[in-house]
Amino acid sequence: MKLTRHIFHEEDFQRFVDGDEKAYRKAFDYFFPIVLRYAYSKCKHLEDAEEIAQEAFTQLYLNRHKIHSESDLYPYLFTITKRLCISHYRQQLSNSSRLSAAQLEWTSISCVTEEQIDFTELYRILEQIVATLPAQQQEVYRLSKMEDLAQQEIAEQLNISRHTVKNHLLLATKMVRLQLQKIYFFLF
């Protein structure tokens, strides 16, 4: 899109370069709708497009001394706007990927925390159930399930037969399972 219409007289353009507010306002009023439309076509959000257009005019004002003629004004403004749109797009991608990474990390932390809470709660309930067993069954169950000893090792440690260990373990496991099923509705 080539804008050939002159919006300044020669002396007005010089006033624009010198920082005259009225001359700047004239350029702003003429080009702002064009810049806004372009920015909106690229980012599809009016608020973002308005920010980009405002920033483009801020940069135009700060760098006005680099513009040598009125015919350079629109191409310079268009280039600034295009670069700001690209920068905005990159920032959106970066924010999106950071958000995805944060959500993934939060989900992971949340799952670990929930699992830890579930495990802690289950362990507490298991301890309560085991505490209701007869003393010998409690000891056999703890040595087998919590300390991971083999039946022969338990028998030697408690000075009882391996067959007795097996029976105690069978009864204790059955009782624990029944109690957990009552609590967790057929967990096993």
C-alpha atoms as a PDB file:
ATOM      1  CA  MET A   1       0.000   0.000   0.000  1.00  0.00           C
ATOM      2  CA  LYS A   2       1.661   3.193  -1.128  1.00  0.00           C
ATOM      3  CA  LEU A   3       0.443   6.378   0.445  1.00  0.00           C
ATOM      4  CA  THR A   4       1.290   9.183  -1.924  1.00  0.00           C
ATOM      5  CA  ARG A   5      -0.905  11.859  -0.406  1.00  0.00           C
ATOM      6  CA  HIS A   6       1.170  14.521   1.255  1.00  0.00           C
ATOM      7  CA  ILE A   7      -0.040  15.377   4.706  1.00  0.00           C
ATOM      8  CA  PHE A   8       2.598  18.053   5.370  1.00  0.00           C
ATOM      9  CA  HIS A   9       3.783  21.199   3.721  1.00  0.00           C
ATOM     10  CA  GLU A  10       7.549  21.262   3.588  1.00  0.00           C
ATOM     11  CA  GLU A  11       7.824  23.494   6.655  1.00  0.00           C
ATOM     12  CA  ASP A  12       5.306  21.298   8.553  1.00  0.00           C
ATOM     13  CA  PHE A  13       7.449  18.230   7.952  1.00  0.00           C
ATOM     14  CA  GLN A  14      10.464  20.072   9.332  1.00  0.00           C
ATOM     15  CA  ARG A  15       8.417  21.003  12.403  1.00  0.00           C
ATOM     16  CA  PHE A  16       7.517  17.295  12.770  1.00  0.00           C
ATOM     17  CA  VAL A  17      11.216  16.385  12.708  1.00  0.00           C
ATOM     18  CA  ASP A  18      11.902  19.146  15.235  1.00  0.00           C
ATOM     19  CA  GLY A  19       9.298  17.636  17.602  1.00  0.00           C
ATOM     20  CA  ASP A  20       6.380  20.027  17.139  1.00  0.00           C
ATOM     21  CA  GLU A  21       3.310  18.575  18.862  1.00  0.00           C
ATOM     22  CA  LYS A  22       0.780  19.796  16.266  1.00  0.00           C
ATOM     23  CA  ALA A  23       2.791  18.366  13.378  1.00  0.00           C
ATOM     24  CA  TYR A  24       3.171  15.056  15.217  1.00  0.00           C
ATOM     25  CA  ARG A  25      -0.569  15.017  15.946  1.00  0.00           C
ATOM     26  CA  LYS A  26      -1.292  15.529  12.255  1.00  0.00           C
ATOM     27  CA  ALA A  27       0.826  12.477  11.342  1.00  0.00           C
ATOM     28  CA  PHE A  28      -0.720  10.484  14.186  1.00  0.00           C
ATOM     29  CA  ASP A  29      -4.293  11.290  13.137  1.00  0.00           C
ATOM     30  CA  TYR A  30      -3.579  10.364   9.541  1.00  0.00           C
ATOM     31  CA  PHE A  31      -1.537   7.165  10.008  1.00  0.00           C
ATOM     32  CA  PHE A  32      -2.865   5.707  13.265  1.00  0.00           C
ATOM     33  CA  PRO A  33      -5.962   4.010  11.745  1.00  0.00           C
ATOM     34  CA  ILE A  34      -3.787   2.484   9.014  1.00  0.00           C
ATOM     35  CA  VAL A  35      -1.191   1.206  11.484  1.00  0.00           C
ATOM     36  CA  LEU A  36      -3.885  -0.082  13.837  1.00  0.00           C
ATOM     37  CA  ARG A  37      -5.597  -1.994  11.020  1.00  0.00           C
ATOM     38  CA  TYR A  38      -2.306  -3.593  10.002  1.00  0.00           C
ATOM     39  CA  ALA A  39      -1.417  -4.556  13.594  1.00  0.00           C
ATOM     40  CA  TYR A  40      -4.898  -5.989  14.141  1.00  0.00           C
ATOM     41  CA  SER A  41      -4.642  -8.053  10.951  1.00  0.00           C
ATOM     42  CA  LYS A  42      -1.500  -9.667  12.358  1.00  0.00           C
ATOM     43  CA  CYS A  43      -2.306 -10.207  16.038  1.00  0.00           C
ATOM     44  CA  LYS A  44      -6.131 -10.534  15.955  1.00  0.00           C
ATOM     45  CA  HIS A  45      -6.600  -8.851  19.354  1.00  0.00           C
ATOM     46  CA  LEU A  46      -7.679  -5.227  19.451  1.00  0.00           C
ATOM     47  CA  GLU A  47      -5.951  -4.434  22.758  1.00  0.00           C
ATOM     48  CA  ASP A  48      -2.655  -5.881  21.518  1.00  0.00           C
ATOM     49  CA  ALA A  49      -3.030  -4.072  18.183  1.00  0.00           C
ATOM     50  CA  GLU A  50      -3.627  -0.769  19.989  1.00  0.00           C
ATOM     51  CA  GLU A  51      -0.521  -1.312  22.130  1.00  0.00           C
ATOM     52  CA  ILE A  52       1.543  -2.111  19.041  1.00  0.00           C
ATOM     53  CA  ALA A  53       0.241   0.981  17.210  1.00  0.00           C
ATOM     54  CA  GLN A  54       0.935   3.201  20.240  1.00  0.00           C
ATOM     55  CA  GLU A  55       4.441   1.776  20.568  1.00  0.00           C
ATOM     56  CA  ALA A  56       5.042   2.308  16.832  1.00  0.00           C
ATOM     57  CA  PHE A  57       4.165   5.991  17.183  1.00  0.00           C
ATOM     58  CA  THR A  58       6.293   6.302  20.302  1.00  0.00           C
ATOM     59  CA  GLN A  59       9.265   4.893  18.405  1.00  0.00           C
ATOM     60  CA  LEU A  60       8.450   7.131  15.438  1.00  0.00           C
ATOM     61  CA  TYR A  61       8.552  10.167  17.698  1.00  0.00           C
ATOM     62  CA  LEU A  62      11.793   9.090  19.377  1.00  0.00           C
ATOM     63  CA  ASN A  63      13.470   8.415  16.015  1.00  0.00           C
ATOM     64  CA  ARG A  64      11.866  11.199  13.952  1.00  0.00           C
ATOM     65  CA  HIS A  65      15.258  12.771  13.243  1.00  0.00           C
ATOM     66  CA  LYS A  66      16.166   9.656  11.167  1.00  0.00           C
ATOM     67  CA  ILE A  67      13.422  10.438   8.645  1.00  0.00           C
ATOM     68  CA  HIS A  68      14.709  12.672   5.855  1.00  0.00           C
ATOM     69  CA  SER A  69      11.570  13.312   3.841  1.00  0.00           C
ATOM     70  CA  GLU A  70       7.826  13.001   4.115  1.00  0.00           C
ATOM     71  CA  SER A  71       7.863  10.109   1.626  1.00  0.00           C
ATOM     72  CA  ASP A  72      10.017   8.125   4.089  1.00  0.00           C
ATOM     73  CA  LEU A  73       7.528   8.589   6.922  1.00  0.00           C
ATOM     74  CA  TYR A  74       5.042   5.822   6.099  1.00  0.00           C
ATOM     75  CA  PRO A  75       7.645   3.162   5.132  1.00  0.00           C
ATOM     76  CA  TYR A  76       9.514   3.889   8.362  1.00  0.00           C
ATOM     77  CA  LEU A  77       6.317   3.642  10.417  1.00  0.00           C
ATOM     78  CA  PHE A  78       5.260   0.476   8.587  1.00  0.00           C
ATOM     79  CA  THR A  79       8.660  -1.162   9.254  1.00  0.00           C
ATOM     80  CA  ILE A  80       8.444  -0.318  12.955  1.00  0.00           C
ATOM     81  CA  THR A  81       4.907  -1.728  13.133  1.00  0.00           C
ATOM     82  CA  LYS A  82       5.875  -4.905  11.293  1.00  0.00           C
ATOM     83  CA  ARG A  83       8.816  -5.503  13.649  1.00  0.00           C
ATOM     84  CA  LEU A  84       6.629  -4.898  16.692  1.00  0.00           C
ATOM     85  CA  CYS A  85       4.067  -7.407  15.374  1.00  0.00           C
ATOM     86  CA  ILE A  86       6.801 -10.003  14.882  1.00  0.00           C
ATOM     87  CA  SER A  87       8.149  -9.305  18.350  1.00  0.00           C
ATOM     88  CA  HIS A  88       4.636  -9.614  19.799  1.00  0.00           C
ATOM     89  CA  TYR A  89       4.137 -12.947  18.020  1.00  0.00           C
ATOM     90  CA  ARG A  90       7.447 -14.293  19.366  1.00  0.00           C
ATOM     91  CA  GLN A  91       6.554 -13.154  22.865  1.00  0.00           C
ATOM     92  CA  GLN A  92       3.172 -14.892  22.620  1.00  0.00           C
ATOM     93  CA  LEU A  93       4.889 -18.130  21.549  1.00  0.00           C
ATOM     94  CA  SER A  94       7.379 -17.832  24.373  1.00  0.00           C
ATOM     95  CA  ASN A  95       4.641 -17.112  26.922  1.00  0.00           C
ATOM     96  CA  SER A  96       2.612 -20.016  25.601  1.00  0.00           C
ATOM     97  CA  SER A  97       5.522 -22.453  25.875  1.00  0.00           C
ATOM     98  CA  ARG A  98       6.393 -21.183  29.375  1.00  0.00           C
ATOM     99  CA  LEU A  99       2.770 -21.564  30.388  1.00  0.00           C
ATOM    100  CA  SER A 100       2.670 -25.101  29.011  1.00  0.00           C
ATOM    101  CA  ALA A 101       5.887 -25.973  30.839  1.00  0.00           C
ATOM    102  CA  ALA A 102       4.552 -24.466  34.071  1.00  0.00           C
ATOM    103  CA  GLN A 103       1.269 -26.337  33.716  1.00  0.00           C
ATOM    104  CA  LEU A 104       3.142 -29.578  33.080  1.00  0.00           C
ATOM    105  CA  GLU A 105       5.371 -28.973  36.105  1.00  0.00           C
ATOM    106  CA  TRP A 106       2.381 -28.066  38.284  1.00  0.00           C
ATOM    107  CA  THR A 107       0.516 -31.179  37.151  1.00  0.00           C
ATOM    108  CA  SER A 108       3.554 -33.294  37.931  1.00  0.00           C
ATOM    109  CA  ILE A 109       4.023 -31.712  41.364  1.00  0.00           C
ATOM    110  CA  SER A 110       0.307 -31.959  42.052  1.00  0.00           C
ATOM    111  CA  CYS A 111       0.223 -35.656  41.125  1.00  0.00           C
ATOM    112  CA  VAL A 112       3.279 -36.420  43.251  1.00  0.00           C
ATOM    113  CA  THR A 113       1.776 -34.534  46.183  1.00  0.00           C
ATOM    114  CA  GLU A 114      -1.560 -36.317  45.814  1.00  0.00           C
ATOM    115  CA  GLU A 115       0.193 -39.673  45.563  1.00  0.00           C
ATOM    116  CA  GLN A 116       2.256 -38.849  48.644  1.00  0.00           C
ATOM    117  CA  ILE A 117      -0.889 -37.872  50.556  1.00  0.00           C
ATOM    118  CA  ASP A 118      -2.680 -41.024  49.380  1.00  0.00           C
ATOM    119  CA  PHE A 119       0.291 -43.191  50.347  1.00  0.00           C
ATOM    120  CA  THR A 120       0.611 -41.534  53.756  1.00  0.00           C
ATOM    121  CA  GLU A 121      -3.102 -41.937  54.428  1.00  0.00           C
ATOM    122  CA  LEU A 122      -3.092 -45.566  53.279  1.00  0.00           C
ATOM    123  CA  TYR A 123      -0.026 -46.318  55.417  1.00  0.00           C
ATOM    124  CA  ARG A 124      -1.695 -44.757  58.476  1.00  0.00           C
ATOM    125  CA  ILE A 125      -4.838 -46.852  57.933  1.00  0.00           C
ATOM    126  CA  LEU A 126      -2.736 -49.971  57.392  1.00  0.00           C
ATOM    127  CA  GLU A 127      -0.906 -49.352  60.674  1.00  0.00           C
ATOM    128  CA  GLN A 128      -4.241 -49.037  62.481  1.00  0.00           C
ATOM    129  CA  ILE A 129      -5.495 -52.303  60.983  1.00  0.00           C
ATOM    130  CA  VAL A 130      -2.261 -54.147  61.788  1.00  0.00           C
ATOM    131  CA  ALA A 131      -2.465 -52.857  65.373  1.00  0.00           C
ATOM    132  CA  THR A 132      -5.766 -54.757  65.793  1.00  0.00           C
ATOM    133  CA  LEU A 133      -4.135 -58.117  64.927  1.00  0.00           C
ATOM    134  CA  PRO A 134      -2.890 -60.534  67.603  1.00  0.00           C
ATOM    135  CA  ALA A 135       0.690 -59.749  68.689  1.00  0.00           C
ATOM    136  CA  GLN A 136       2.356 -62.688  66.867  1.00  0.00           C
ATOM    137  CA  GLN A 137       0.479 -61.940  63.607  1.00  0.00           C
ATOM    138  CA  GLN A 138       1.413 -58.250  63.883  1.00  0.00           C
ATOM    139  CA  GLU A 139       5.069 -59.088  64.187  1.00  0.00           C
ATOM    140  CA  VAL A 140       5.042 -61.617  61.335  1.00  0.00           C
ATOM    141  CA  TYR A 141       3.098 -59.228  59.075  1.00  0.00           C
ATOM    142  CA  ARG A 142       5.427 -56.270  59.773  1.00  0.00           C
ATOM    143  CA  LEU A 143       8.561 -58.349  59.233  1.00  0.00           C
ATOM    144  CA  SER A 144       7.200 -59.782  55.985  1.00  0.00           C
ATOM    145  CA  LYS A 145       5.424 -56.813  54.401  1.00  0.00           C
ATOM    146  CA  MET A 146       7.176 -53.802  55.858  1.00  0.00           C
ATOM    147  CA  GLU A 147      10.721 -55.089  56.324  1.00  0.00           C
ATOM    148  CA  ASP A 148      10.536 -57.477  53.359  1.00  0.00           C
ATOM    149  CA  LEU A 149      11.978 -60.507  55.139  1.00  0.00           C
ATOM    150  CA  ALA A 150      11.484 -64.013  53.749  1.00  0.00           C
ATOM    151  CA  GLN A 151       9.369 -66.525  55.684  1.00  0.00           C
ATOM    152  CA  GLN A 152      12.466 -68.559  56.622  1.00  0.00           C
ATOM    153  CA  GLU A 153      14.221 -65.448  57.996  1.00  0.00           C
ATOM    154  CA  ILE A 154      11.144 -64.540  60.058  1.00  0.00           C
ATOM    155  CA  ALA A 155      10.946 -68.097  61.426  1.00  0.00           C
ATOM    156  CA  GLU A 156      14.603 -67.979  62.488  1.00  0.00           C
ATOM    157  CA  GLN A 157      14.275 -64.520  64.019  1.00  0.00           C
ATOM    158  CA  LEU A 158      11.141 -65.407  66.040  1.00  0.00           C
ATOM    159  CA  ASN A 159      12.199 -68.994  66.803  1.00  0.00           C
ATOM    160  CA  ILE A 160       9.038 -70.483  65.284  1.00  0.00           C
ATOM    161  CA  SER A 161       8.519 -72.863  62.391  1.00  0.00           C
ATOM    162  CA  ARG A 162       8.270 -71.637  58.830  1.00  0.00           C
ATOM    163  CA  HIS A 163       4.811 -73.254  58.657  1.00  0.00           C
ATOM    164  CA  THR A 164       3.648 -71.145  61.639  1.00  0.00           C
ATOM    165  CA  VAL A 165       5.006 -68.010  59.935  1.00  0.00           C
ATOM    166  CA  LYS A 166       3.113 -68.958  56.783  1.00  0.00           C
ATOM    167  CA  ASN A 167      -0.169 -69.432  58.718  1.00  0.00           C
ATOM    168  CA  HIS A 168       0.223 -66.160  60.665  1.00  0.00           C
ATOM    169  CA  LEU A 169       1.004 -64.315  57.435  1.00  0.00           C
ATOM    170  CA  LEU A 170      -1.989 -65.846  55.667  1.00  0.00           C
ATOM    171  CA  LEU A 171      -4.400 -64.900  58.480  1.00  0.00           C
ATOM    172  CA  ALA A 172      -2.922 -61.403  58.924  1.00  0.00           C
ATOM    173  CA  THR A 173      -3.032 -60.669  55.182  1.00  0.00           C
ATOM    174  CA  LYS A 174      -6.612 -61.893  54.974  1.00  0.00           C
ATOM    175  CA  MET A 175      -7.666 -59.658  57.896  1.00  0.00           C
ATOM    176  CA  VAL A 176      -5.851 -56.601  56.487  1.00  0.00           C
ATOM    177  CA  ARG A 177      -7.424 -57.149  53.075  1.00  0.00           C
ATOM    178  CA  LEU A 178     -10.939 -57.460  54.555  1.00  0.00           C
ATOM    179  CA  GLN A 179     -10.535 -54.271  56.581  1.00  0.00           C
ATOM    180  CA  LEU A 180      -9.159 -52.332  53.602  1.00  0.00           C
ATOM    181  CA  GLN A 181     -12.010 -53.568  51.426  1.00  0.00           C
ATOM    182  CA  LYS A 182     -14.488 -52.199  53.921  1.00  0.00           C
ATOM    183  CA  ILE A 183     -12.754 -48.837  53.828  1.00  0.00           C
ATOM    184  CA  TYR A 184     -11.955 -48.596  50.112  1.00  0.00           C
ATOM    185  CA  PHE A 185     -14.855 -50.608  48.636  1.00  0.00           C
ATOM    186  CA  PHE A 186     -13.090 -53.581  47.138  1.00  0.00           C
ATOM    187  CA  LEU A 187      -9.674 -52.062  46.634  1.00  0.00           C
ATOM    188  CA  PHE A 188      -8.205 -55.481  45.991  1.00  0.00           C
END
